[in-house]
Amino acid sequence: MKLNEGEIGKNYVVTGVLAEKRVARRLEALGVNQQTPVIILNKKGSGSLIIKVRGTRLALGRQIAEGIAVKEAKK
């Protein structure tokens, strides 16, 4: 599933980042890489998201969020 398909308040684990090389490197520098837990804090009508990753809140545009593959975290 793609990150932008997730629900607010649920925990997910990143399974892959499918973005152009420059964006993928920047996400990696921010801590968004494989096996990283993320929580969706808010979703906007335009498709942008606010997520919490490694204790930091990040805002992601729709195109970037579509390029992040996730699975639901086991409780």
C-alpha atoms as a PDB file:
ATOM      1  CA  MET A   1       0.000   0.000   0.000  1.00  0.00           C
ATOM      2  CA  LYS A   2       1.105   3.572  -0.531  1.00  0.00           C
ATOM      3  CA  LEU A   3       1.559   5.940   2.401  1.00  0.00           C
ATOM      4  CA  ASN A   4      -1.127   8.321   1.150  1.00  0.00           C
ATOM      5  CA  GLU A   5      -3.662   5.441   1.294  1.00  0.00           C
ATOM      6  CA  GLY A   6      -3.162   5.021   5.049  1.00  0.00           C
ATOM      7  CA  GLU A   7      -5.468   6.203   7.815  1.00  0.00           C
ATOM      8  CA  ILE A   8      -4.873   8.971  10.327  1.00  0.00           C
ATOM      9  CA  GLY A   9      -3.543   7.730  13.668  1.00  0.00           C
ATOM     10  CA  LYS A  10      -2.423   4.307  12.456  1.00  0.00           C
ATOM     11  CA  ASN A  11       1.114   2.970  12.651  1.00  0.00           C
ATOM     12  CA  TYR A  12       2.889   1.803   9.507  1.00  0.00           C
ATOM     13  CA  VAL A  13       6.331   0.482   8.587  1.00  0.00           C
ATOM     14  CA  VAL A  14       8.094   1.686   5.440  1.00  0.00           C
ATOM     15  CA  THR A  15       8.744  -1.181   3.017  1.00  0.00           C
ATOM     16  CA  GLY A  16      10.293   0.858   0.214  1.00  0.00           C
ATOM     17  CA  VAL A  17      10.823   4.293  -1.289  1.00  0.00           C
ATOM     18  CA  LEU A  18      10.039   4.623  -4.978  1.00  0.00           C
ATOM     19  CA  ALA A  19      11.018   8.149  -5.925  1.00  0.00           C
ATOM     20  CA  GLU A  20      13.578   9.869  -8.080  1.00  0.00           C
ATOM     21  CA  LYS A  21      17.108   9.533  -6.757  1.00  0.00           C
ATOM     22  CA  ARG A  22      17.345  13.076  -5.365  1.00  0.00           C
ATOM     23  CA  VAL A  23      14.071  12.771  -3.422  1.00  0.00           C
ATOM     24  CA  ALA A  24      14.916   9.269  -2.172  1.00  0.00           C
ATOM     25  CA  ARG A  25      18.267  10.487  -0.809  1.00  0.00           C
ATOM     26  CA  ARG A  26      16.587  13.408   0.952  1.00  0.00           C
ATOM     27  CA  LEU A  27      13.974  11.132   2.529  1.00  0.00           C
ATOM     28  CA  GLU A  28      16.746   8.804   3.667  1.00  0.00           C
ATOM     29  CA  ALA A  29      18.561  11.747   5.253  1.00  0.00           C
ATOM     30  CA  LEU A  30      15.340  12.616   7.109  1.00  0.00           C
ATOM     31  CA  GLY A  31      15.063   9.044   8.397  1.00  0.00           C
ATOM     32  CA  VAL A  32      12.408   7.696   6.033  1.00  0.00           C
ATOM     33  CA  ASN A  33      13.901   4.401   4.831  1.00  0.00           C
ATOM     34  CA  GLN A  34      13.041   0.704   4.942  1.00  0.00           C
ATOM     35  CA  GLN A  35      11.762  -0.723   8.231  1.00  0.00           C
ATOM     36  CA  THR A  36      11.195   2.756   9.697  1.00  0.00           C
ATOM     37  CA  PRO A  37       7.955   3.107  11.692  1.00  0.00           C
ATOM     38  CA  VAL A  38       5.748   6.084  10.761  1.00  0.00           C
ATOM     39  CA  ILE A  39       2.445   7.441  12.067  1.00  0.00           C
ATOM     40  CA  ILE A  40       0.061   9.466   9.913  1.00  0.00           C
ATOM     41  CA  LEU A  41      -0.898  12.536  11.929  1.00  0.00           C
ATOM     42  CA  ASN A  42      -3.004  14.435   9.395  1.00  0.00           C
ATOM     43  CA  LYS A  43      -4.184  14.286   5.797  1.00  0.00           C
ATOM     44  CA  LYS A  44      -5.112  17.257   3.631  1.00  0.00           C
ATOM     45  CA  GLY A  45      -7.630  17.340   0.801  1.00  0.00           C
ATOM     46  CA  SER A  46      -4.870  18.017  -1.720  1.00  0.00           C
ATOM     47  CA  GLY A  47      -3.267  14.663  -0.870  1.00  0.00           C
ATOM     48  CA  SER A  48      -0.474  16.006   1.309  1.00  0.00           C
ATOM     49  CA  LEU A  49       0.291  14.339   4.634  1.00  0.00           C
ATOM     50  CA  ILE A  50       1.834  15.122   7.973  1.00  0.00           C
ATOM     51  CA  ILE A  51       3.659  12.127   9.418  1.00  0.00           C
ATOM     52  CA  LYS A  52       5.680  11.431  12.531  1.00  0.00           C
ATOM     53  CA  VAL A  53       8.929   9.594  11.937  1.00  0.00           C
ATOM     54  CA  ARG A  54      11.712   9.116  14.499  1.00  0.00           C
ATOM     55  CA  GLY A  55      10.156  11.733  16.794  1.00  0.00           C
ATOM     56  CA  THR A  56       9.954  14.390  14.061  1.00  0.00           C
ATOM     57  CA  ARG A  57       6.923  15.678  12.188  1.00  0.00           C
ATOM     58  CA  LEU A  58       7.302  15.841   8.410  1.00  0.00           C
ATOM     59  CA  ALA A  59       4.986  17.283   5.780  1.00  0.00           C
ATOM     60  CA  LEU A  60       4.960  15.379   2.495  1.00  0.00           C
ATOM     61  CA  GLY A  61       3.337  16.308  -0.780  1.00  0.00           C
ATOM     62  CA  ARG A  62       1.010  13.906  -2.582  1.00  0.00           C
ATOM     63  CA  GLN A  63       3.584  12.787  -5.180  1.00  0.00           C
ATOM     64  CA  ILE A  64       6.213  11.976  -2.565  1.00  0.00           C
ATOM     65  CA  ALA A  65       3.677  10.189  -0.327  1.00  0.00           C
ATOM     66  CA  GLU A  66       2.587   8.056  -3.303  1.00  0.00           C
ATOM     67  CA  GLY A  67       6.186   6.911  -3.722  1.00  0.00           C
ATOM     68  CA  ILE A  68       6.514   5.535  -0.184  1.00  0.00           C
ATOM     69  CA  ALA A  69       5.347   1.936   0.190  1.00  0.00           C
ATOM     70  CA  VAL A  70       4.195   0.886   3.664  1.00  0.00           C
ATOM     71  CA  LYS A  71       2.535  -1.962   5.509  1.00  0.00           C
ATOM     72  CA  GLU A  72       0.501  -1.784   8.690  1.00  0.00           C
ATOM     73  CA  ALA A  73       2.640  -2.245  11.785  1.00  0.00           C
ATOM     74  CA  LYS A  74       1.930  -5.258  13.964  1.00  0.00           C
ATOM     75  CA  LYS A  75       0.842  -4.397  17.461  1.00  0.00           C
END
